[in-house]
Amino acid sequence: MVNKKENSIAPLFTKDNYLWMGIGAVIIALGMFLMSGGKNADPKVFDYKVVYSTTRVTIAPILVILGLLVEVYAIFKKPKQA
């Protein structure tokens, strides 16, 4: 009979990896929410300041890219050796 400890495979991700993945997902969701923005008071009038605001065009994409980098870090992070 084979011992179970010899055949067991270590889990691919640890609790720490999942924590970082969650943080990355929240950052990406925040970026997507900011990118969606608001709405014009009058839908027939094009408001340049609302559509091309700094939040939508600059901050939101930076947050999405930052969240993706956190996700890559979470995937490649090695578990601490005990």
C-alpha atoms as a PDB file:
ATOM      1  CA  MET A   1       0.000   0.000   0.000  1.00  0.00           C
ATOM      2  CA  VAL A   2       1.322   3.434  -0.958  1.00  0.00           C
ATOM      3  CA  ASN A   3       1.574   6.146   1.654  1.00  0.00           C
ATOM      4  CA  LYS A   4      -0.739   9.126   0.955  1.00  0.00           C
ATOM      5  CA  LYS A   5       1.960  11.686   1.797  1.00  0.00           C
ATOM      6  CA  GLU A   6       4.216  10.401  -0.960  1.00  0.00           C
ATOM      7  CA  ASN A   7       1.572  10.879  -3.685  1.00  0.00           C
ATOM      8  CA  SER A   8       0.100  14.161  -2.476  1.00  0.00           C
ATOM      9  CA  ILE A   9       0.812  17.172  -4.636  1.00  0.00           C
ATOM     10  CA  ALA A  10       1.206  20.610  -3.091  1.00  0.00           C
ATOM     11  CA  PRO A  11      -1.561  23.041  -4.023  1.00  0.00           C
ATOM     12  CA  LEU A  12      -0.736  25.373  -6.883  1.00  0.00           C
ATOM     13  CA  PHE A  13      -1.923  28.511  -5.083  1.00  0.00           C
ATOM     14  CA  THR A  14      -1.850  29.378  -1.398  1.00  0.00           C
ATOM     15  CA  LYS A  15      -4.122  31.611   0.658  1.00  0.00           C
ATOM     16  CA  ASP A  16      -1.723  34.489   0.039  1.00  0.00           C
ATOM     17  CA  ASN A  17      -2.030  34.031  -3.749  1.00  0.00           C
ATOM     18  CA  TYR A  18      -5.818  34.133  -3.545  1.00  0.00           C
ATOM     19  CA  LEU A  19      -5.658  37.260  -1.378  1.00  0.00           C
ATOM     20  CA  TRP A  20      -3.551  39.048  -4.019  1.00  0.00           C
ATOM     21  CA  MET A  21      -5.885  37.800  -6.774  1.00  0.00           C
ATOM     22  CA  GLY A  22      -8.833  39.283  -4.900  1.00  0.00           C
ATOM     23  CA  ILE A  23      -7.040  42.611  -4.488  1.00  0.00           C
ATOM     24  CA  GLY A  24      -6.259  42.661  -8.207  1.00  0.00           C
ATOM     25  CA  ALA A  25      -9.870  41.874  -9.093  1.00  0.00           C
ATOM     26  CA  VAL A  26     -11.121  44.716  -6.893  1.00  0.00           C
ATOM     27  CA  ILE A  27      -8.684  47.160  -8.537  1.00  0.00           C
ATOM     28  CA  ILE A  28      -9.813  46.055 -12.018  1.00  0.00           C
ATOM     29  CA  ALA A  29     -13.487  46.369 -11.032  1.00  0.00           C
ATOM     30  CA  LEU A  30     -12.866  49.863  -9.642  1.00  0.00           C
ATOM     31  CA  GLY A  31     -11.162  50.887 -12.894  1.00  0.00           C
ATOM     32  CA  MET A  32     -14.058  49.542 -14.957  1.00  0.00           C
ATOM     33  CA  PHE A  33     -16.561  51.347 -12.738  1.00  0.00           C
ATOM     34  CA  LEU A  34     -14.689  54.636 -13.100  1.00  0.00           C
ATOM     35  CA  MET A  35     -14.434  54.124 -16.859  1.00  0.00           C
ATOM     36  CA  SER A  36     -18.207  53.781 -17.149  1.00  0.00           C
ATOM     37  CA  GLY A  37     -18.610  57.294 -15.747  1.00  0.00           C
ATOM     38  CA  GLY A  38     -21.824  59.240 -15.486  1.00  0.00           C
ATOM     39  CA  LYS A  39     -24.387  60.560 -17.892  1.00  0.00           C
ATOM     40  CA  ASN A  40     -25.261  63.884 -19.463  1.00  0.00           C
ATOM     41  CA  ALA A  41     -28.161  65.865 -18.091  1.00  0.00           C
ATOM     42  CA  ASP A  42     -29.490  66.232 -21.642  1.00  0.00           C
ATOM     43  CA  PRO A  43     -28.842  63.169 -23.850  1.00  0.00           C
ATOM     44  CA  LYS A  44     -29.220  65.258 -27.015  1.00  0.00           C
ATOM     45  CA  VAL A  45     -26.266  67.495 -26.084  1.00  0.00           C
ATOM     46  CA  PHE A  46     -22.677  66.228 -26.337  1.00  0.00           C
ATOM     47  CA  ASP A  47     -20.688  67.331 -23.297  1.00  0.00           C
ATOM     48  CA  TYR A  48     -16.965  67.029 -24.006  1.00  0.00           C
ATOM     49  CA  LYS A  49     -16.021  67.416 -20.313  1.00  0.00           C
ATOM     50  CA  VAL A  50     -18.120  64.438 -19.224  1.00  0.00           C
ATOM     51  CA  VAL A  51     -17.118  62.023 -21.991  1.00  0.00           C
ATOM     52  CA  TYR A  52     -13.403  62.863 -22.019  1.00  0.00           C
ATOM     53  CA  SER A  53     -12.878  63.541 -18.322  1.00  0.00           C
ATOM     54  CA  THR A  54      -9.515  62.785 -16.717  1.00  0.00           C
ATOM     55  CA  THR A  55     -11.093  60.048 -14.633  1.00  0.00           C
ATOM     56  CA  ARG A  56     -12.436  58.140 -17.640  1.00  0.00           C
ATOM     57  CA  VAL A  57      -9.508  58.620 -19.984  1.00  0.00           C
ATOM     58  CA  THR A  58      -6.488  58.471 -17.672  1.00  0.00           C
ATOM     59  CA  ILE A  59      -7.137  57.228 -14.139  1.00  0.00           C
ATOM     60  CA  ALA A  60      -9.490  54.328 -14.973  1.00  0.00           C
ATOM     61  CA  PRO A  61      -7.206  52.675 -17.583  1.00  0.00           C
ATOM     62  CA  ILE A  62      -4.226  53.041 -15.244  1.00  0.00           C
ATOM     63  CA  LEU A  63      -6.197  51.257 -12.515  1.00  0.00           C
ATOM     64  CA  VAL A  64      -7.168  48.435 -14.881  1.00  0.00           C
ATOM     65  CA  ILE A  65      -3.544  47.932 -15.967  1.00  0.00           C
ATOM     66  CA  LEU A  66      -2.377  48.101 -12.333  1.00  0.00           C
ATOM     67  CA  GLY A  67      -4.975  45.460 -11.416  1.00  0.00           C
ATOM     68  CA  LEU A  68      -3.764  43.199 -14.209  1.00  0.00           C
ATOM     69  CA  LEU A  69      -0.174  43.576 -12.972  1.00  0.00           C
ATOM     70  CA  VAL A  70      -1.312  42.620  -9.459  1.00  0.00           C
ATOM     71  CA  GLU A  71      -3.003  39.537 -10.952  1.00  0.00           C
ATOM     72  CA  VAL A  72       0.222  38.523 -12.727  1.00  0.00           C
ATOM     73  CA  TYR A  73       2.123  38.993  -9.462  1.00  0.00           C
ATOM     74  CA  ALA A  74      -0.444  36.863  -7.614  1.00  0.00           C
ATOM     75  CA  ILE A  75      -0.142  34.043 -10.141  1.00  0.00           C
ATOM     76  CA  PHE A  76       3.661  33.942 -10.142  1.00  0.00           C
ATOM     77  CA  LYS A  77       4.143  34.500  -6.392  1.00  0.00           C
ATOM     78  CA  LYS A  78       5.855  31.532  -4.819  1.00  0.00           C
ATOM     79  CA  PRO A  79       4.684  30.324  -1.412  1.00  0.00           C
ATOM     80  CA  LYS A  80       6.868  31.063   1.592  1.00  0.00           C
ATOM     81  CA  GLN A  81       9.038  28.178   2.711  1.00  0.00           C
ATOM     82  CA  ALA A  82       8.253  27.144   6.294  1.00  0.00           C
END
